[in-house]
Every structure is written in structure tokens, then in C-alpha cells.
Amino acid sequence: MRLPEILTPARILVDPDGSRTKDKGAVLDRLAELLATDLHLSVEEIRIPLGEREDLQSTGIGDGVAIPHTALEKAEGQTAALVLCPAGVPFDAIDGAPVRIIFGVVGPKRAASEHLKILAKVSRLLRSPETRRRLLESATGEQAYSLIEEHESSSIST
């Protein structure tokens, strides 16, 4: 499964001044809002388990990246949302630095293996400093989505 298959431009929030993503709680709220409609779930049905996962251990993996994720019984398939906040958000990341790229993934509990593969793809995508830089320079969700499509296409051909 390719990342563009589980993400849409409409599920990408670009928040250049940080007005909608002031802290970790606000970021998780925005992710839940972005995911709720396409998952046919309430915002709370997504927000609560995302928060519970963060309470166990931060999904801030370093280099300004966090990958909040959860598996839900009611989820019909893997679904993702992306929040880009160049101003940075405190997130209790492993390196102590603020996060600026938050890639949320929600999948069905019955598809744990597929969920792990998606998380690995997200990690590979965001490993590149150049990709991270270009994502943070995106002015719109459409630009960020195009960059992800481009990255996925080049990954397949190499």
C-alpha cells in the first residue's frame, strides 16, 4: 500500500504560524478532526486512543517528526493525516526538540501487520532531511501531497 492511497490533500493541515497547533493536545485534536470524516467515526473516537497512545510513550521520533498512531476496531482501513507546523510544537520527542511534521496513522486492529508496514513507510519518507525541508516549505496540502506522491513514485522506480 502506497502512502498516497491512505492520505488526501484534504487531510493535510499546513499551519505556518502555529495558531492551530500550539501544543501536543491541539495537534492530536487537529489529527482527529482530519481523520474523523473519512473513517466515519467521531472526533472523540479517534482523539482518545491517540492521546492514550501518547500517554504510553511519545511518538516524537526526533528530527522534528512525530508519528501518532492507533488501531481501532471500527476503522475500515488504513487512513492518514498530516500536520505541518514549521513553528514547531513541544511534543516530548525522544531528542527533546519540538516537532514540525506530524504524520498520524489510524488503522483497523485486525490489520496489525499492514499498520506496521505503513508506519515503516512513513518513517522512511521522513528520514530524508531534504524531504522534511520540502514538506515544511509546502504552502498547501496539495503541494505536500504532490511531494509525497513524487517520493513514492521515485521509491518504486529505484
Foldseek 3Di string as FASTA:
>chain_A
DAPLVQEDLQQEAEDAACPQPAAPLSVLLSNLVSVCPVQVHHSCLRSVVLVVVVVVPFQQADPQEGEREDAAQSGPAKHKHKYAYVVFYQGNHPVRGGHGIYIYIYGHPVPVVVSVVVVVVVCVQPVDPVLSVQCNVDPGSVSNSVSSVVVRVVVVVD
